[in-house]
N, C-alpha and C. Protein backbone atom coordinates (compact mmCIF):
# COMPACT_ATOMS: atom_id res chain seq x y z
N UNK A 1 -17.97 -25.25 22.50
CA UNK A 1 -17.78 -26.58 22.00
C UNK A 1 -16.46 -27.11 22.54
N UNK A 2 -16.50 -28.29 23.04
CA UNK A 2 -15.28 -28.93 23.53
C UNK A 2 -14.75 -29.87 22.47
N UNK A 3 -13.43 -29.86 22.32
CA UNK A 3 -12.81 -30.78 21.36
C UNK A 3 -11.37 -31.02 21.78
N UNK A 4 -10.78 -32.04 21.24
CA UNK A 4 -9.38 -32.34 21.50
C UNK A 4 -8.60 -32.01 20.24
N UNK A 5 -7.52 -31.24 20.41
CA UNK A 5 -6.70 -30.82 19.28
C UNK A 5 -5.26 -31.23 19.55
N UNK A 6 -4.61 -31.77 18.54
CA UNK A 6 -3.19 -32.09 18.64
C UNK A 6 -2.43 -31.02 17.86
N UNK A 7 -1.63 -30.24 18.58
CA UNK A 7 -0.90 -29.14 17.96
C UNK A 7 0.52 -29.56 17.64
N UNK A 8 1.03 -29.10 16.51
CA UNK A 8 2.44 -29.30 16.20
C UNK A 8 3.25 -28.45 17.17
N UNK A 9 4.51 -28.83 17.37
CA UNK A 9 5.35 -28.15 18.36
C UNK A 9 5.51 -26.66 18.04
N UNK A 10 5.68 -26.31 16.77
CA UNK A 10 5.87 -24.90 16.42
C UNK A 10 4.59 -24.10 16.67
N UNK A 11 3.43 -24.71 16.42
CA UNK A 11 2.15 -24.03 16.65
C UNK A 11 1.94 -23.83 18.14
N UNK A 12 2.29 -24.83 18.92
CA UNK A 12 2.17 -24.71 20.37
C UNK A 12 3.04 -23.58 20.89
N UNK A 13 4.25 -23.48 20.37
CA UNK A 13 5.16 -22.41 20.80
C UNK A 13 4.59 -21.04 20.44
N UNK A 14 4.06 -20.90 19.23
CA UNK A 14 3.45 -19.63 18.82
C UNK A 14 2.26 -19.28 19.70
N UNK A 15 1.47 -20.27 20.04
CA UNK A 15 0.30 -20.06 20.88
C UNK A 15 0.71 -19.63 22.29
N UNK A 16 1.74 -20.26 22.82
CA UNK A 16 2.22 -19.89 24.16
C UNK A 16 2.78 -18.47 24.17
N UNK A 17 3.46 -18.09 23.09
CA UNK A 17 3.98 -16.72 22.99
C UNK A 17 2.82 -15.72 22.93
N UNK A 18 1.77 -16.06 22.19
CA UNK A 18 0.59 -15.19 22.12
C UNK A 18 -0.07 -15.08 23.49
N UNK A 19 -0.08 -16.17 24.25
CA UNK A 19 -0.66 -16.14 25.59
C UNK A 19 0.11 -15.17 26.47
N UNK A 20 1.44 -15.22 26.40
CA UNK A 20 2.26 -14.35 27.23
C UNK A 20 2.14 -12.88 26.81
N UNK A 21 2.18 -12.64 25.49
CA UNK A 21 2.09 -11.26 24.99
C UNK A 21 0.77 -10.61 25.39
N UNK A 22 -0.31 -11.34 25.20
CA UNK A 22 -1.62 -10.78 25.47
C UNK A 22 -2.14 -11.06 26.85
N UNK A 23 -1.35 -11.77 27.66
CA UNK A 23 -1.78 -12.17 29.01
C UNK A 23 -3.16 -12.81 28.95
N UNK A 24 -3.26 -13.80 28.07
CA UNK A 24 -4.53 -14.49 27.85
C UNK A 24 -4.41 -15.94 28.24
N UNK A 25 -5.57 -16.54 28.44
CA UNK A 25 -5.61 -17.97 28.72
C UNK A 25 -5.36 -18.73 27.42
N UNK A 26 -5.10 -20.01 27.56
CA UNK A 26 -4.90 -20.87 26.39
C UNK A 26 -6.12 -20.81 25.49
N UNK A 27 -7.30 -20.92 26.09
CA UNK A 27 -8.54 -20.91 25.33
C UNK A 27 -8.71 -19.60 24.56
N UNK A 28 -8.47 -18.46 25.22
CA UNK A 28 -8.62 -17.17 24.56
C UNK A 28 -7.64 -17.00 23.40
N UNK A 29 -6.39 -17.39 23.65
CA UNK A 29 -5.37 -17.24 22.61
C UNK A 29 -5.67 -18.15 21.41
N UNK A 30 -6.12 -19.37 21.68
CA UNK A 30 -6.44 -20.31 20.60
C UNK A 30 -7.63 -19.81 19.79
N UNK A 31 -8.70 -19.38 20.47
CA UNK A 31 -9.88 -18.87 19.77
C UNK A 31 -9.53 -17.65 18.90
N UNK A 32 -8.72 -16.76 19.46
CA UNK A 32 -8.34 -15.56 18.70
C UNK A 32 -7.52 -15.94 17.47
N UNK A 33 -6.60 -16.88 17.62
CA UNK A 33 -5.76 -17.31 16.50
C UNK A 33 -6.60 -17.98 15.41
N UNK A 34 -7.54 -18.81 15.82
CA UNK A 34 -8.40 -19.49 14.84
C UNK A 34 -9.28 -18.47 14.12
N UNK A 35 -9.85 -17.53 14.86
CA UNK A 35 -10.68 -16.48 14.23
C UNK A 35 -9.88 -15.69 13.20
N UNK A 36 -8.69 -15.25 13.63
CA UNK A 36 -7.84 -14.46 12.74
C UNK A 36 -7.47 -15.27 11.50
N UNK A 37 -7.15 -16.51 11.68
CA UNK A 37 -6.78 -17.37 10.56
C UNK A 37 -7.92 -17.60 9.59
N UNK A 38 -9.11 -17.84 10.12
CA UNK A 38 -10.25 -18.10 9.25
C UNK A 38 -10.73 -16.83 8.55
N UNK A 39 -10.68 -15.72 9.23
CA UNK A 39 -11.07 -14.45 8.59
C UNK A 39 -10.09 -14.08 7.48
N UNK A 40 -8.84 -14.41 7.68
CA UNK A 40 -7.82 -14.08 6.70
C UNK A 40 -8.03 -14.75 5.37
N UNK A 41 -8.73 -15.87 5.35
CA UNK A 41 -8.95 -16.56 4.09
C UNK A 41 -10.18 -16.04 3.36
N UNK A 42 -10.97 -15.20 4.00
CA UNK A 42 -12.24 -14.76 3.44
C UNK A 42 -12.22 -13.38 2.83
N UNK A 43 -11.19 -12.89 2.31
CA UNK A 43 -11.25 -11.56 1.72
C UNK A 43 -10.58 -10.52 2.59
N UNK A 44 -9.50 -10.88 3.19
CA UNK A 44 -8.72 -9.95 3.98
C UNK A 44 -7.79 -9.16 3.06
N UNK A 45 -8.05 -9.24 1.77
CA UNK A 45 -7.19 -8.58 0.80
C UNK A 45 -7.53 -7.10 0.71
N UNK A 46 -6.54 -6.34 0.26
CA UNK A 46 -6.77 -4.92 0.01
C UNK A 46 -7.72 -4.79 -1.17
N UNK A 47 -8.52 -3.75 -1.17
CA UNK A 47 -9.42 -3.56 -2.32
C UNK A 47 -8.60 -3.32 -3.59
N UNK A 48 -9.15 -3.72 -4.71
CA UNK A 48 -8.45 -3.56 -5.98
C UNK A 48 -8.24 -2.08 -6.27
N UNK A 49 -7.07 -1.75 -6.80
CA UNK A 49 -6.76 -0.38 -7.19
C UNK A 49 -7.33 -0.15 -8.57
N UNK A 50 -8.23 0.80 -8.68
CA UNK A 50 -8.92 1.05 -9.95
C UNK A 50 -8.60 2.46 -10.42
N UNK A 51 -8.23 2.57 -11.68
CA UNK A 51 -7.99 3.87 -12.29
C UNK A 51 -9.14 4.14 -13.25
N UNK A 52 -9.83 5.23 -13.02
CA UNK A 52 -10.91 5.63 -13.92
C UNK A 52 -10.31 6.52 -14.99
N UNK A 53 -9.97 5.92 -16.11
CA UNK A 53 -9.33 6.66 -17.20
C UNK A 53 -10.35 7.54 -17.90
N UNK A 54 -9.86 8.68 -18.34
CA UNK A 54 -10.71 9.60 -19.10
C UNK A 54 -10.01 9.90 -20.42
N UNK A 55 -10.78 10.13 -21.45
CA UNK A 55 -10.16 10.47 -22.73
C UNK A 55 -9.47 11.83 -22.63
N UNK A 56 -8.33 11.98 -23.31
CA UNK A 56 -7.59 13.24 -23.25
C UNK A 56 -8.15 14.28 -24.21
N UNK A 57 -8.91 13.85 -25.17
CA UNK A 57 -9.55 14.73 -26.15
C UNK A 57 -8.53 15.62 -26.87
N UNK A 58 -7.42 15.02 -27.26
CA UNK A 58 -6.42 15.75 -28.03
C UNK A 58 -6.83 15.79 -29.49
N UNK A 59 -6.43 16.84 -30.14
CA UNK A 59 -6.72 16.94 -31.57
C UNK A 59 -5.88 15.92 -32.33
N UNK A 60 -6.38 15.45 -33.45
CA UNK A 60 -5.59 14.49 -34.25
C UNK A 60 -4.23 15.09 -34.61
N UNK A 61 -3.20 14.28 -34.50
CA UNK A 61 -1.85 14.72 -34.83
C UNK A 61 -1.07 15.24 -33.65
N UNK A 62 -1.69 15.40 -32.49
CA UNK A 62 -0.98 15.89 -31.31
C UNK A 62 -0.53 14.68 -30.50
N UNK A 63 0.78 14.62 -30.28
CA UNK A 63 1.37 13.51 -29.54
C UNK A 63 1.51 13.92 -28.07
N UNK A 64 0.91 13.17 -27.14
CA UNK A 64 1.02 13.53 -25.72
C UNK A 64 2.46 13.63 -25.23
N UNK A 65 3.35 12.81 -25.78
CA UNK A 65 4.76 12.87 -25.37
C UNK A 65 5.38 14.20 -25.78
N UNK A 66 5.02 14.70 -26.95
CA UNK A 66 5.55 15.99 -27.39
C UNK A 66 5.00 17.13 -26.53
N UNK A 67 3.76 17.03 -26.13
CA UNK A 67 3.17 18.03 -25.23
C UNK A 67 3.92 18.04 -23.91
N UNK A 68 4.24 16.86 -23.40
CA UNK A 68 4.98 16.75 -22.15
C UNK A 68 6.39 17.34 -22.30
N UNK A 69 7.04 17.05 -23.44
CA UNK A 69 8.37 17.61 -23.69
C UNK A 69 8.32 19.14 -23.74
N UNK A 70 7.31 19.68 -24.40
CA UNK A 70 7.16 21.13 -24.48
C UNK A 70 6.96 21.73 -23.09
N UNK A 71 6.15 21.08 -22.28
CA UNK A 71 5.93 21.54 -20.91
C UNK A 71 7.24 21.54 -20.13
N UNK A 72 8.04 20.48 -20.29
CA UNK A 72 9.34 20.41 -19.61
C UNK A 72 10.25 21.56 -20.05
N UNK A 73 10.27 21.83 -21.36
CA UNK A 73 11.11 22.92 -21.87
C UNK A 73 10.67 24.26 -21.29
N UNK A 74 9.38 24.51 -21.28
CA UNK A 74 8.87 25.77 -20.75
C UNK A 74 9.19 25.91 -19.26
N UNK A 75 9.06 24.82 -18.54
CA UNK A 75 9.37 24.85 -17.10
C UNK A 75 10.85 25.13 -16.89
N UNK A 76 11.72 24.52 -17.70
CA UNK A 76 13.16 24.75 -17.59
C UNK A 76 13.50 26.21 -17.92
N UNK A 77 12.90 26.74 -18.97
CA UNK A 77 13.14 28.14 -19.34
C UNK A 77 12.74 29.07 -18.20
N UNK A 78 11.61 28.81 -17.58
CA UNK A 78 11.15 29.65 -16.47
C UNK A 78 12.10 29.55 -15.28
N UNK A 79 12.58 28.36 -15.00
CA UNK A 79 13.53 28.16 -13.90
C UNK A 79 14.82 28.94 -14.18
N UNK A 80 15.33 28.82 -15.41
CA UNK A 80 16.57 29.52 -15.76
C UNK A 80 16.37 31.04 -15.69
N UNK A 81 15.23 31.53 -16.14
CA UNK A 81 14.94 32.96 -16.08
C UNK A 81 14.95 33.45 -14.64
N UNK A 82 14.33 32.68 -13.75
CA UNK A 82 14.28 33.09 -12.34
C UNK A 82 15.66 33.03 -11.69
N UNK A 83 16.44 31.99 -12.00
CA UNK A 83 17.76 31.88 -11.37
C UNK A 83 18.71 32.94 -11.90
N UNK A 84 18.59 33.31 -13.18
CA UNK A 84 19.42 34.39 -13.73
C UNK A 84 19.06 35.72 -13.07
N UNK A 85 17.78 35.94 -12.87
CA UNK A 85 17.34 37.18 -12.21
C UNK A 85 17.87 37.22 -10.78
N UNK A 86 17.90 36.09 -10.13
CA UNK A 86 18.41 36.01 -8.76
C UNK A 86 19.91 36.26 -8.75
N UNK A 87 20.64 35.71 -9.74
CA UNK A 87 22.10 35.88 -9.81
C UNK A 87 22.49 37.33 -10.07
N UNK A 88 21.71 38.04 -10.87
CA UNK A 88 22.06 39.43 -11.19
C UNK A 88 21.82 40.36 -10.00
N UNK A 89 20.98 39.98 -9.07
CA UNK A 89 20.74 40.81 -7.87
C UNK A 89 21.90 40.74 -6.90
N UNK A 90 22.69 39.71 -6.98
CA UNK A 90 23.77 39.55 -5.99
C UNK A 90 25.04 40.19 -6.41
């Protein structure tokens, strides 16, 4: 299709830069830019991030934060036990 287009100065400059970078003709660079621009409006978005939550099935009265704190304490105790054992070998 043939048509006449009036480009703003900044658009013309961007198009000429694209021509030089890609070693393309004016027609090729313009068609590519229009395609990219039109496709970008049609769902070029990243897919939505979805978390599939599952029930924790904790017994009534058990606080997940307390379970996490207990896990941290146990991990710290294990770390200290290992580092003390390492220190006594030296």
